[in-house]
Amino acid sequence: MNTRKSAKAAICGGCLLLLSLSGCVVRPVASRPAPPPARIEVIPAAPPGRYVWSPGYHRYRRSGYVWVPGRYRRIR
């Protein structure tokens, strides 16, 4: 008798879970256009100390891609 009650409760719980998930709305992900080809950068002379060149890249904004120029980054 106890196992019937627990099985019945498990089935009811599963049905309630499925019914609660049926109200979920999944918004499709908007696809972005491919970024333009990378620009060719002239790498300036390195500053004194421990620096490494980080190349430029295209960053996506709401209106489209924006070029972020490369720069030297300090190594710790």
PDB file of N, CA and C in Angstrom:
ATOM      1  N   MET A   1       0.825  -1.190   0.000  1.00  0.00           N
ATOM      2  CA  MET A   1       0.000   0.000   0.000  1.00  0.00           C
ATOM      3  C   MET A   1       0.872   1.257   0.000  1.00  0.00           C
ATOM      4  N   ASN A   2       1.952   1.227   0.786  1.00  0.00           N
ATOM      5  CA  ASN A   2       2.856   2.373   0.866  1.00  0.00           C
ATOM      6  C   ASN A   2       3.569   2.618  -0.460  1.00  0.00           C
ATOM      7  N   THR A   3       3.944   1.547  -1.144  1.00  0.00           N
ATOM      8  CA  THR A   3       4.641   1.714  -2.416  1.00  0.00           C
ATOM      9  C   THR A   3       3.713   2.274  -3.480  1.00  0.00           C
ATOM     10  N   ARG A   4       2.433   1.934  -3.410  1.00  0.00           N
ATOM     11  CA  ARG A   4       1.473   2.488  -4.374  1.00  0.00           C
ATOM     12  C   ARG A   4       1.330   3.993  -4.186  1.00  0.00           C
ATOM     13  N   LYS A   5       1.302   4.437  -2.929  1.00  0.00           N
ATOM     14  CA  LYS A   5       1.174   5.867  -2.654  1.00  0.00           C
ATOM     15  C   LYS A   5       2.412   6.626  -3.137  1.00  0.00           C
ATOM     16  N   SER A   6       3.585   6.040  -2.886  1.00  0.00           N
ATOM     17  CA  SER A   6       4.812   6.727  -3.308  1.00  0.00           C
ATOM     18  C   SER A   6       4.940   6.750  -4.829  1.00  0.00           C
ATOM     19  N   ALA A   7       4.512   5.659  -5.481  1.00  0.00           N
ATOM     20  CA  ALA A   7       4.559   5.634  -6.945  1.00  0.00           C
ATOM     21  C   ALA A   7       3.570   6.641  -7.517  1.00  0.00           C
ATOM     22  N   LYS A   8       2.408   6.715  -6.922  1.00  0.00           N
ATOM     23  CA  LYS A   8       1.397   7.667  -7.371  1.00  0.00           C
ATOM     24  C   LYS A   8       1.876   9.109  -7.169  1.00  0.00           C
ATOM     25  N   ALA A   9       2.542   9.347  -6.043  1.00  0.00           N
ATOM     26  CA  ALA A   9       3.067  10.685  -5.765  1.00  0.00           C
ATOM     27  C   ALA A   9       4.180  11.042  -6.752  1.00  0.00           C
ATOM     28  N   ALA A  10       5.013  10.065  -7.100  1.00  0.00           N
ATOM     29  CA  ALA A  10       6.096  10.319  -8.052  1.00  0.00           C
ATOM     30  C   ALA A  10       5.540  10.639  -9.437  1.00  0.00           C
ATOM     31  N   ILE A  11       4.517   9.930  -9.851  1.00  0.00           N
ATOM     32  CA  ILE A  11       3.909  10.181 -11.159  1.00  0.00           C
ATOM     33  C   ILE A  11       3.240  11.546 -11.177  1.00  0.00           C
ATOM     34  N   CYS A  12       2.536  11.880 -10.115  1.00  0.00           N
ATOM     35  CA  CYS A  12       1.896  13.200 -10.038  1.00  0.00           C
ATOM     36  C   CYS A  12       2.930  14.318 -10.028  1.00  0.00           C
ATOM     37  N   GLY A  13       4.016  14.101  -9.299  1.00  0.00           N
ATOM     38  CA  GLY A  13       5.082  15.105  -9.266  1.00  0.00           C
ATOM     39  C   GLY A  13       5.718  15.297 -10.629  1.00  0.00           C
ATOM     40  N   GLY A  14       5.954  14.201 -11.352  1.00  0.00           N
ATOM     41  CA  GLY A  14       6.517  14.293 -12.703  1.00  0.00           C
ATOM     42  C   GLY A  14       5.595  15.021 -13.656  1.00  0.00           C
ATOM     43  N   CYS A  15       4.284  14.733 -13.538  1.00  0.00           N
ATOM     44  CA  CYS A  15       3.311  15.430 -14.400  1.00  0.00           C
ATOM     45  C   CYS A  15       3.280  16.923 -14.097  1.00  0.00           C
ATOM     46  N   LEU A  16       3.330  17.259 -12.818  1.00  0.00           N
ATOM     47  CA  LEU A  16       3.340  18.680 -12.452  1.00  0.00           C
ATOM     48  C   LEU A  16       4.586  19.375 -12.973  1.00  0.00           C
ATOM     49  N   LEU A  17       5.721  18.692 -12.921  1.00  0.00           N
ATOM     50  CA  LEU A  17       6.969  19.263 -13.440  1.00  0.00           C
ATOM     51  C   LEU A  17       6.857  19.500 -14.936  1.00  0.00           C
ATOM     52  N   LEU A  18       6.345  18.522 -15.671  1.00  0.00           N
ATOM     53  CA  LEU A  18       6.192  18.692 -17.119  1.00  0.00           C
ATOM     54  C   LEU A  18       5.219  19.814 -17.465  1.00  0.00           C
ATOM     55  N   LEU A  19       4.131  19.911 -16.703  1.00  0.00           N
ATOM     56  CA  LEU A  19       3.177  20.988 -16.961  1.00  0.00           C
ATOM     57  C   LEU A  19       3.773  22.360 -16.669  1.00  0.00           C
ATOM     58  N   SER A  20       4.603  22.457 -15.656  1.00  0.00           N
ATOM     59  CA  SER A  20       5.212  23.753 -15.340  1.00  0.00           C
ATOM     60  C   SER A  20       6.230  24.163 -16.392  1.00  0.00           C
ATOM     61  N   LEU A  21       6.914  23.190 -16.999  1.00  0.00           N
ATOM     62  CA  LEU A  21       7.900  23.506 -18.032  1.00  0.00           C
ATOM     63  C   LEU A  21       7.253  23.831 -19.374  1.00  0.00           C
ATOM     64  N   SER A  22       6.006  23.439 -19.566  1.00  0.00           N
ATOM     65  CA  SER A  22       5.356  23.696 -20.846  1.00  0.00           C
ATOM     66  C   SER A  22       5.075  25.186 -21.046  1.00  0.00           C
ATOM     67  N   GLY A  23       5.099  25.970 -19.983  1.00  0.00           N
ATOM     68  CA  GLY A  23       4.862  27.400 -20.097  1.00  0.00           C
ATOM     69  C   GLY A  23       6.117  28.201 -20.381  1.00  0.00           C
ATOM     70  N   CYS A  24       7.272  27.542 -20.473  1.00  0.00           N
ATOM     71  CA  CYS A  24       8.529  28.255 -20.729  1.00  0.00           C
ATOM     72  C   CYS A  24       8.569  28.736 -22.175  1.00  0.00           C
ATOM     73  N   VAL A  25       9.060  29.935 -22.363  1.00  0.00           N
ATOM     74  CA  VAL A  25       9.202  30.493 -23.701  1.00  0.00           C
ATOM     75  C   VAL A  25      10.690  30.601 -23.992  1.00  0.00           C
ATOM     76  N   VAL A  26      11.090  30.000 -25.073  1.00  0.00           N
ATOM     77  CA  VAL A  26      12.500  30.041 -25.472  1.00  0.00           C
ATOM     78  C   VAL A  26      12.612  30.991 -26.650  1.00  0.00           C
ATOM     79  N   ARG A  27      13.378  32.060 -26.462  1.00  0.00           N
ATOM     80  CA  ARG A  27      13.559  33.051 -27.514  1.00  0.00           C
ATOM     81  C   ARG A  27      14.716  32.617 -28.403  1.00  0.00           C
ATOM     82  N   PRO A  28      14.532  32.593 -29.713  1.00  0.00           N
ATOM     83  CA  PRO A  28      15.629  32.182 -30.595  1.00  0.00           C
ATOM     84  C   PRO A  28      16.781  33.192 -30.534  1.00  0.00           C
ATOM     85  N   VAL A  29      17.976  32.668 -30.669  1.00  0.00           N
ATOM     86  CA  VAL A  29      19.174  33.502 -30.637  1.00  0.00           C
ATOM     87  C   VAL A  29      19.374  34.120 -32.011  1.00  0.00           C
ATOM     88  N   ALA A  30      19.526  35.430 -32.037  1.00  0.00           N
ATOM     89  CA  ALA A  30      19.750  36.121 -33.310  1.00  0.00           C
ATOM     90  C   ALA A  30      21.184  35.867 -33.766  1.00  0.00           C
ATOM     91  N   SER A  31      21.341  35.501 -35.005  1.00  0.00           N
ATOM     92  CA  SER A  31      22.682  35.238 -35.511  1.00  0.00           C
ATOM     93  C   SER A  31      23.320  36.547 -35.983  1.00  0.00           C
ATOM     94  N   ARG A  32      24.614  36.613 -35.816  1.00  0.00           N
ATOM     95  CA  ARG A  32      25.370  37.796 -36.251  1.00  0.00           C
ATOM     96  C   ARG A  32      26.020  37.516 -37.593  1.00  0.00           C
ATOM     97  N   PRO A  33      26.263  38.558 -38.345  1.00  0.00           N
ATOM     98  CA  PRO A  33      27.042  38.348 -39.570  1.00  0.00           C
ATOM     99  C   PRO A  33      28.495  38.049 -39.200  1.00  0.00           C
ATOM    100  N   ALA A  34      29.195  37.433 -40.101  1.00  0.00           N
ATOM    101  CA  ALA A  34      30.602  37.119 -39.860  1.00  0.00           C
ATOM    102  C   ALA A  34      31.410  38.414 -39.776  1.00  0.00           C
ATOM    103  N   PRO A  35      32.458  38.450 -38.948  1.00  0.00           N
ATOM    104  CA  PRO A  35      33.265  39.670 -38.866  1.00  0.00           C
ATOM    105  C   PRO A  35      34.048  39.888 -40.155  1.00  0.00           C
ATOM    106  N   PRO A  36      34.374  41.138 -40.448  1.00  0.00           N
ATOM    107  CA  PRO A  36      35.188  41.406 -41.631  1.00  0.00           C
ATOM    108  C   PRO A  36      36.592  40.830 -41.436  1.00  0.00           C
ATOM    109  N   PRO A  37      37.350  40.711 -42.494  1.00  0.00           N
ATOM    110  CA  PRO A  37      38.709  40.186 -42.342  1.00  0.00           C
ATOM    111  C   PRO A  37      39.552  41.113 -41.462  1.00  0.00           C
ATOM    112  N   ALA A  38      40.487  40.530 -40.743  1.00  0.00           N
ATOM    113  CA  ALA A  38      41.356  41.305 -39.851  1.00  0.00           C
ATOM    114  C   ALA A  38      42.192  42.291 -40.662  1.00  0.00           C
ATOM    115  N   ARG A  39      42.442  43.433 -40.074  1.00  0.00           N
ATOM    116  CA  ARG A  39      43.264  44.448 -40.735  1.00  0.00           C
ATOM    117  C   ARG A  39      44.737  44.104 -40.565  1.00  0.00           C
ATOM    118  N   ILE A  40      45.513  44.581 -41.499  1.00  0.00           N
ATOM    119  CA  ILE A  40      46.961  44.415 -41.385  1.00  0.00           C
ATOM    120  C   ILE A  40      47.485  45.592 -40.595  1.00  0.00           C
ATOM    121  N   GLU A  41      48.170  45.303 -39.503  1.00  0.00           N
ATOM    122  CA  GLU A  41      48.683  46.349 -38.626  1.00  0.00           C
ATOM    123  C   GLU A  41      50.205  46.424 -38.719  1.00  0.00           C
ATOM    124  N   VAL A  42      50.701  47.625 -38.636  1.00  0.00           N
ATOM    125  CA  VAL A  42      52.148  47.826 -38.541  1.00  0.00           C
ATOM    126  C   VAL A  42      52.460  47.865 -37.054  1.00  0.00           C
ATOM    127  N   ILE A  43      53.273  46.909 -36.614  1.00  0.00           N
ATOM    128  CA  ILE A  43      53.589  46.811 -35.191  1.00  0.00           C
ATOM    129  C   ILE A  43      54.722  47.781 -34.871  1.00  0.00           C
ATOM    130  N   PRO A  44      54.455  48.745 -33.991  1.00  0.00           N
ATOM    131  CA  PRO A  44      55.510  49.703 -33.640  1.00  0.00           C
ATOM    132  C   PRO A  44      56.578  49.043 -32.767  1.00  0.00           C
ATOM    133  N   ALA A  45      57.676  49.767 -32.588  1.00  0.00           N
ATOM    134  CA  ALA A  45      58.767  49.255 -31.754  1.00  0.00           C
ATOM    135  C   ALA A  45      58.264  49.052 -30.327  1.00  0.00           C
ATOM    136  N   ALA A  46      58.734  47.999 -29.712  1.00  0.00           N
ATOM    137  CA  ALA A  46      58.299  47.668 -28.352  1.00  0.00           C
ATOM    138  C   ALA A  46      58.861  48.672 -27.354  1.00  0.00           C
ATOM    139  N   PRO A  47      58.055  49.032 -26.355  1.00  0.00           N
ATOM    140  CA  PRO A  47      58.564  49.907 -25.306  1.00  0.00           C
ATOM    141  C   PRO A  47      59.553  49.142 -24.427  1.00  0.00           C
ATOM    142  N   PRO A  48      60.396  49.855 -23.692  1.00  0.00           N
ATOM    143  CA  PRO A  48      61.350  49.154 -22.829  1.00  0.00           C
ATOM    144  C   PRO A  48      60.619  48.396 -21.723  1.00  0.00           C
ATOM    145  N   GLY A  49      61.137  47.275 -21.377  1.00  0.00           N
ATOM    146  CA  GLY A  49      60.511  46.450 -20.333  1.00  0.00           C
ATOM    147  C   GLY A  49      59.933  45.184 -20.937  1.00  0.00           C
ATOM    148  N   ARG A  50      59.089  44.535 -20.173  1.00  0.00           N
ATOM    149  CA  ARG A  50      58.499  43.262 -20.592  1.00  0.00           C
ATOM    150  C   ARG A  50      57.098  43.503 -21.139  1.00  0.00           C
ATOM    151  N   TYR A  51      57.003  43.638 -22.442  1.00  0.00           N
ATOM    152  CA  TYR A  51      55.731  43.861 -23.114  1.00  0.00           C
ATOM    153  C   TYR A  51      55.555  42.855 -24.243  1.00  0.00           C
ATOM    154  N   VAL A  52      54.320  42.530 -24.540  1.00  0.00           N
ATOM    155  CA  VAL A  52      54.010  41.636 -25.650  1.00  0.00           C
ATOM    156  C   VAL A  52      52.917  42.296 -26.491  1.00  0.00           C
ATOM    157  N   TRP A  53      52.985  42.093 -27.800  1.00  0.00           N
ATOM    158  CA  TRP A  53      52.030  42.695 -28.710  1.00  0.00           C
ATOM    159  C   TRP A  53      50.734  41.894 -28.693  1.00  0.00           C
ATOM    160  N   SER A  54      49.621  42.590 -28.538  1.00  0.00           N
ATOM    161  CA  SER A  54      48.290  41.995 -28.600  1.00  0.00           C
ATOM    162  C   SER A  54      47.638  42.523 -29.867  1.00  0.00           C
ATOM    163  N   PRO A  55      47.390  41.660 -30.860  1.00  0.00           N
ATOM    164  CA  PRO A  55      46.866  42.147 -32.143  1.00  0.00           C
ATOM    165  C   PRO A  55      45.450  42.700 -32.031  1.00  0.00           C
ATOM    166  N   GLY A  56      45.090  43.515 -32.995  1.00  0.00           N
ATOM    167  CA  GLY A  56      43.759  44.105 -33.027  1.00  0.00           C
ATOM    168  C   GLY A  56      42.702  43.073 -33.395  1.00  0.00           C
ATOM    169  N   TYR A  57      41.453  43.426 -33.182  1.00  0.00           N
ATOM    170  CA  TYR A  57      40.342  42.507 -33.457  1.00  0.00           C
ATOM    171  C   TYR A  57      39.069  43.313 -33.696  1.00  0.00           C
ATOM    172  N   HIS A  58      38.087  42.650 -34.251  1.00  0.00           N
ATOM    173  CA  HIS A  58      36.777  43.268 -34.462  1.00  0.00           C
ATOM    174  C   HIS A  58      35.882  42.921 -33.277  1.00  0.00           C
ATOM    175  N   ARG A  59      35.295  43.938 -32.659  1.00  0.00           N
ATOM    176  CA  ARG A  59      34.350  43.758 -31.551  1.00  0.00           C
ATOM    177  C   ARG A  59      32.953  44.055 -32.093  1.00  0.00           C
ATOM    178  N   TYR A  60      31.996  43.207 -31.719  1.00  0.00           N
ATOM    179  CA  TYR A  60      30.630  43.394 -32.201  1.00  0.00           C
ATOM    180  C   TYR A  60      29.882  44.345 -31.291  1.00  0.00           C
ATOM    181  N   ARG A  61      29.281  45.338 -31.875  1.00  0.00           N
ATOM    182  CA  ARG A  61      28.399  46.280 -31.175  1.00  0.00           C
ATOM    183  C   ARG A  61      27.022  46.139 -31.787  1.00  0.00           C
ATOM    184  N   ARG A  62      26.050  46.819 -31.246  1.00  0.00           N
ATOM    185  CA  ARG A  62      24.685  46.713 -31.775  1.00  0.00           C
ATOM    186  C   ARG A  62      24.585  47.139 -33.235  1.00  0.00           C
ATOM    187  N   SER A  63      25.377  48.126 -33.611  1.00  0.00           N
ATOM    188  CA  SER A  63      25.294  48.635 -34.980  1.00  0.00           C
ATOM    189  C   SER A  63      26.188  47.865 -35.957  1.00  0.00           C
ATOM    190  N   GLY A  64      27.039  46.984 -35.458  1.00  0.00           N
ATOM    191  CA  GLY A  64      27.933  46.214 -36.322  1.00  0.00           C
ATOM    192  C   GLY A  64      29.288  46.029 -35.666  1.00  0.00           C
ATOM    193  N   TYR A  65      30.263  45.663 -36.472  1.00  0.00           N
ATOM    194  CA  TYR A  65      31.605  45.420 -35.959  1.00  0.00           C
ATOM    195  C   TYR A  65      32.411  46.711 -35.911  1.00  0.00           C
ATOM    196  N   VAL A  66      33.229  46.835 -34.872  1.00  0.00           N
ATOM    197  CA  VAL A  66      34.105  47.987 -34.683  1.00  0.00           C
ATOM    198  C   VAL A  66      35.517  47.446 -34.506  1.00  0.00           C
ATOM    199  N   TRP A  67      36.483  48.074 -35.175  1.00  0.00           N
ATOM    200  CA  TRP A  67      37.871  47.642 -35.074  1.00  0.00           C
ATOM    201  C   TRP A  67      38.497  48.168 -33.787  1.00  0.00           C
ATOM    202  N   VAL A  68      39.119  47.279 -33.029  1.00  0.00           N
ATOM    203  CA  VAL A  68      39.861  47.641 -31.825  1.00  0.00           C
ATOM    204  C   VAL A  68      41.332  47.445 -32.179  1.00  0.00           C
ATOM    205  N   PRO A  69      42.116  48.518 -32.227  1.00  0.00           N
ATOM    206  CA  PRO A  69      43.514  48.387 -32.660  1.00  0.00           C
ATOM    207  C   PRO A  69      44.356  47.599 -31.669  1.00  0.00           C
ATOM    208  N   GLY A  70      45.419  47.012 -32.186  1.00  0.00           N
ATOM    209  CA  GLY A  70      46.347  46.257 -31.345  1.00  0.00           C
ATOM    210  C   GLY A  70      47.145  47.187 -30.445  1.00  0.00           C
ATOM    211  N   ARG A  71      47.737  46.594 -29.403  1.00  0.00           N
ATOM    212  CA  ARG A  71      48.540  47.400 -28.483  1.00  0.00           C
ATOM    213  C   ARG A  71      49.504  46.485 -27.736  1.00  0.00           C
ATOM    214  N   TYR A  72      50.471  47.118 -27.112  1.00  0.00           N
ATOM    215  CA  TYR A  72      51.403  46.365 -26.278  1.00  0.00           C
ATOM    216  C   TYR A  72      50.809  46.199 -24.885  1.00  0.00           C
ATOM    217  N   ARG A  73      50.937  45.003 -24.347  1.00  0.00           N
ATOM    218  CA  ARG A  73      50.466  44.708 -22.982  1.00  0.00           C
ATOM    219  C   ARG A  73      51.665  44.305 -22.136  1.00  0.00           C
ATOM    220  N   ARG A  74      51.633  44.771 -20.930  1.00  0.00           N
ATOM    221  CA  ARG A  74      52.739  44.484 -20.019  1.00  0.00           C
ATOM    222  C   ARG A  74      52.618  43.078 -19.453  1.00  0.00           C
ATOM    223  N   ILE A  75      53.725  42.378 -19.386  1.00  0.00           N
ATOM    224  CA  ILE A  75      53.771  41.026 -18.795  1.00  0.00           C
ATOM    225  C   ILE A  75      54.183  41.178 -17.348  1.00  0.00           C
ATOM    226  N   ARG A  76      53.448  40.526 -16.483  1.00  0.00           N
ATOM    227  CA  ARG A  76      53.793  40.599 -15.054  1.00  0.00           C
ATOM    228  C   ARG A  76      54.733  39.516 -14.668  1.00  0.00           C
TER     229      ARG A  76
END
